[in-house]
Amino acid sequence: MNQAVKVLQLFKTLHRTRQQVFKNDSRALEAARIKINEEFKNNKSETSPKKIEELMKIGSDVELLLRTSVIQGIHTGHNTLKLVPRKDLLIENVPYCDTPTRKQ
């Protein structure tokens, strides 16, 4: 696949992820939109395939981090925050075991 196509796909993926992660938070949505666009614009003239590959790796890592690690919080009181996790973040919890078995 052409490298320019991959860059465009990453750009679109980052924006889709931004819309999911910061849903209903106009300030965060706008800040993330500006940052994504700024980073791509700053590196628009890059021609080195190796450097482009490095930048793509950074962009992919950022997208993964946003998708798997960011949880929205809503202020509900003076010192109270309500967490709003997305369904894809809610995974089955492994029960705690007081007496772990030893591997031999």
C-alpha atoms as a PDB file:
ATOM      1  CA  MET A   1       0.000   0.000   0.000  1.00  0.00           C
ATOM      2  CA  ASN A   2       1.204   3.492  -0.849  1.00  0.00           C
ATOM      3  CA  GLN A   3       2.729   5.355   2.128  1.00  0.00           C
ATOM      4  CA  ALA A   4       0.572   8.444   1.451  1.00  0.00           C
ATOM      5  CA  VAL A   5      -2.548   6.274   1.713  1.00  0.00           C
ATOM      6  CA  LYS A   6      -1.323   4.861   5.049  1.00  0.00           C
ATOM      7  CA  VAL A   7      -0.702   8.376   6.372  1.00  0.00           C
ATOM      8  CA  LEU A   8      -4.218   9.450   5.368  1.00  0.00           C
ATOM      9  CA  GLN A   9      -5.713   6.332   6.979  1.00  0.00           C
ATOM     10  CA  LEU A  10      -3.879   7.082  10.241  1.00  0.00           C
ATOM     11  CA  PHE A  11      -5.085  10.704  10.109  1.00  0.00           C
ATOM     12  CA  LYS A  12      -8.703   9.556   9.711  1.00  0.00           C
ATOM     13  CA  THR A  13      -8.344   6.868  12.400  1.00  0.00           C
ATOM     14  CA  LEU A  14      -6.978   9.399  14.894  1.00  0.00           C
ATOM     15  CA  HIS A  15      -9.928  11.700  14.243  1.00  0.00           C
ATOM     16  CA  ARG A  16     -12.450   8.852  14.601  1.00  0.00           C
ATOM     17  CA  THR A  17     -10.824   7.778  17.863  1.00  0.00           C
ATOM     18  CA  ARG A  18     -10.831  11.400  19.072  1.00  0.00           C
ATOM     19  CA  GLN A  19     -14.584  11.593  18.425  1.00  0.00           C
ATOM     20  CA  GLN A  20     -15.247   8.416  20.417  1.00  0.00           C
ATOM     21  CA  VAL A  21     -12.896   9.124  23.321  1.00  0.00           C
ATOM     22  CA  PHE A  22     -13.927  12.766  23.875  1.00  0.00           C
ATOM     23  CA  LYS A  23     -17.617  12.374  22.962  1.00  0.00           C
ATOM     24  CA  ASN A  24     -19.790  15.209  24.380  1.00  0.00           C
ATOM     25  CA  ASP A  25     -16.717  17.198  25.527  1.00  0.00           C
ATOM     26  CA  SER A  26     -16.435  20.064  23.060  1.00  0.00           C
ATOM     27  CA  ARG A  27     -13.267  21.516  24.624  1.00  0.00           C
ATOM     28  CA  ALA A  28     -11.380  18.227  24.492  1.00  0.00           C
ATOM     29  CA  LEU A  29     -12.707  17.440  20.999  1.00  0.00           C
ATOM     30  CA  GLU A  30     -11.499  20.788  19.670  1.00  0.00           C
ATOM     31  CA  ALA A  31      -8.110  20.599  21.430  1.00  0.00           C
ATOM     32  CA  ALA A  32      -7.483  17.086  20.083  1.00  0.00           C
ATOM     33  CA  ARG A  33      -8.594  18.122  16.574  1.00  0.00           C
ATOM     34  CA  ILE A  34      -6.188  21.069  16.596  1.00  0.00           C
ATOM     35  CA  LYS A  35      -3.302  18.932  17.901  1.00  0.00           C
ATOM     36  CA  ILE A  36      -3.812  16.140  15.348  1.00  0.00           C
ATOM     37  CA  ASN A  37      -4.069  18.592  12.459  1.00  0.00           C
ATOM     38  CA  GLU A  38      -1.069  20.561  13.718  1.00  0.00           C
ATOM     39  CA  GLU A  39       1.168  17.476  13.980  1.00  0.00           C
ATOM     40  CA  PHE A  40       0.267  16.275  10.484  1.00  0.00           C
ATOM     41  CA  LYS A  41       0.701  19.793   9.036  1.00  0.00           C
ATOM     42  CA  ASN A  42       4.113  20.242  10.720  1.00  0.00           C
ATOM     43  CA  ASN A  43       5.367  17.027   9.099  1.00  0.00           C
ATOM     44  CA  LYS A  44       3.604  17.463   5.744  1.00  0.00           C
ATOM     45  CA  SER A  45       6.829  18.113   3.829  1.00  0.00           C
ATOM     46  CA  GLU A  46       8.711  15.105   5.265  1.00  0.00           C
ATOM     47  CA  THR A  47      10.107  12.956   2.455  1.00  0.00           C
ATOM     48  CA  SER A  48      12.334  10.437   4.256  1.00  0.00           C
ATOM     49  CA  PRO A  49      10.520   7.061   4.252  1.00  0.00           C
ATOM     50  CA  LYS A  50      12.308   6.113   7.491  1.00  0.00           C
ATOM     51  CA  LYS A  51      11.250   9.323   9.268  1.00  0.00           C
ATOM     52  CA  ILE A  52       7.681   8.964   7.961  1.00  0.00           C
ATOM     53  CA  GLU A  53       7.617   5.399   9.317  1.00  0.00           C
ATOM     54  CA  GLU A  54       8.785   6.683  12.742  1.00  0.00           C
ATOM     55  CA  LEU A  55       6.087   9.376  12.745  1.00  0.00           C
ATOM     56  CA  MET A  56       3.475   6.795  11.740  1.00  0.00           C
ATOM     57  CA  LYS A  57       4.539   4.598  14.673  1.00  0.00           C
ATOM     58  CA  ILE A  58       4.133   7.540  17.062  1.00  0.00           C
ATOM     59  CA  GLY A  59       0.682   8.316  15.623  1.00  0.00           C
ATOM     60  CA  SER A  60      -0.397   4.669  15.929  1.00  0.00           C
ATOM     61  CA  ASP A  61       0.850   4.537  19.522  1.00  0.00           C
ATOM     62  CA  VAL A  62      -1.089   7.712  20.371  1.00  0.00           C
ATOM     63  CA  GLU A  63      -4.260   6.290  18.812  1.00  0.00           C
ATOM     64  CA  LEU A  64      -3.865   3.052  20.811  1.00  0.00           C
ATOM     65  CA  LEU A  65      -3.225   4.974  24.023  1.00  0.00           C
ATOM     66  CA  LEU A  66      -6.305   7.157  23.503  1.00  0.00           C
ATOM     67  CA  ARG A  67      -8.493   4.187  22.647  1.00  0.00           C
ATOM     68  CA  THR A  68      -7.374   1.943  25.522  1.00  0.00           C
ATOM     69  CA  SER A  69      -6.394   4.277  28.373  1.00  0.00           C
ATOM     70  CA  VAL A  70      -8.517   7.441  28.385  1.00  0.00           C
ATOM     71  CA  ILE A  71     -11.692   7.594  30.472  1.00  0.00           C
ATOM     72  CA  GLN A  72     -13.929  10.664  30.621  1.00  0.00           C
ATOM     73  CA  GLY A  73     -14.755  12.201  33.959  1.00  0.00           C
ATOM     74  CA  ILE A  74     -17.660  14.554  34.653  1.00  0.00           C
ATOM     75  CA  HIS A  75     -17.701  16.921  37.632  1.00  0.00           C
ATOM     76  CA  THR A  76     -20.857  16.131  39.590  1.00  0.00           C
ATOM     77  CA  GLY A  77     -20.049  18.039  42.755  1.00  0.00           C
ATOM     78  CA  HIS A  78     -17.369  20.062  44.523  1.00  0.00           C
ATOM     79  CA  ASN A  79     -14.998  17.112  45.011  1.00  0.00           C
ATOM     80  CA  THR A  80     -16.857  14.488  43.009  1.00  0.00           C
ATOM     81  CA  LEU A  81     -16.112  13.063  39.582  1.00  0.00           C
ATOM     82  CA  LYS A  82     -18.276  10.565  37.698  1.00  0.00           C
ATOM     83  CA  LEU A  83     -16.286   8.295  35.383  1.00  0.00           C
ATOM     84  CA  VAL A  84     -17.815   7.468  32.012  1.00  0.00           C
ATOM     85  CA  PRO A  85     -15.949   4.455  30.565  1.00  0.00           C
ATOM     86  CA  ARG A  86     -16.657   3.392  27.004  1.00  0.00           C
ATOM     87  CA  LYS A  87     -17.933  -0.158  26.453  1.00  0.00           C
ATOM     88  CA  ASP A  88     -14.692  -1.211  24.730  1.00  0.00           C
ATOM     89  CA  LEU A  89     -12.783  -0.336  27.926  1.00  0.00           C
ATOM     90  CA  LEU A  90     -14.920  -2.510  30.152  1.00  0.00           C
ATOM     91  CA  ILE A  91     -13.247  -5.903  30.212  1.00  0.00           C
ATOM     92  CA  GLU A  92     -13.947  -8.937  32.337  1.00  0.00           C
ATOM     93  CA  ASN A  93     -12.132  -8.619  35.632  1.00  0.00           C
ATOM     94  CA  VAL A  94      -9.952 -11.496  36.824  1.00  0.00           C
ATOM     95  CA  PRO A  95     -10.883 -12.402  40.419  1.00  0.00           C
ATOM     96  CA  TYR A  96      -8.286 -11.865  43.119  1.00  0.00           C
ATOM     97  CA  CYS A  97      -6.824 -15.013  44.657  1.00  0.00           C
ATOM     98  CA  ASP A  98      -5.563 -14.949  48.294  1.00  0.00           C
ATOM     99  CA  THR A  99      -3.643 -18.189  47.842  1.00  0.00           C
ATOM    100  CA  PRO A 100      -1.868 -18.193  44.478  1.00  0.00           C
ATOM    101  CA  THR A 101      -0.467 -21.501  43.334  1.00  0.00           C
ATOM    102  CA  ARG A 102       3.250 -21.767  42.792  1.00  0.00           C
ATOM    103  CA  LYS A 103       4.575 -22.754  39.402  1.00  0.00           C
ATOM    104  CA  GLN A 104       7.051 -25.579  39.644  1.00  0.00           C
END
